[in-house]
């Protein structure tokens, strides 16, 4: 972390967003852990890429709350601090609506999303691809996830951050390689929860 990044981070009011993200503790992830930890993984990825925009970082902590938790309202987020309205708007850009297909959702972010929405989606996808293990997910799910990543998320990364593009491409290649290796003994069937 650069000195100017440390100074900018010191000035940010992050605690209210951390507190709101704790609502994600109860949302289990198939790979283990919970969505609260995933939110912080996404936050850490953004820091790793030297993003210090307060709206982007705050949104990363709560980017899944409206998909995963029913107890948080728009007003609660807007009232958190002076950035609340902007954070809420960014979170809504990356929130998939009920009954919205994944392809439509990702295409909307790619074609109409703000730069910060595309950056946040790339960081989110890096975290999710890192957790995409062959012993945890069904083959069809992994194939579809990789195809979505290639079709929608790689073009986002190409537009916003070449280093993220490199990491996403590498993660996809690694997952495809693992799929080939695991193919003979990959009968896993995940139960719906």
Foldseek 3Di string as FASTA:
>chain_A
DDPVLVVLQVPADQVLLLVLLVLQQPAADLLGGTVQVLLVQLLVLCVVVVDRDRLLSSLSNCLCCVVGPDPDDLVSQLPSDVCSNVNSVLSVLQYDDPPHDPLNSLVCCQPPNDLSNLSSVLSSLLSVLVSDDLQRDAPVVLVVSLVSCVVRNLSSCVVRPVVSNVSSVVSSVVSVVVCVVCVVPRPDDDDDD
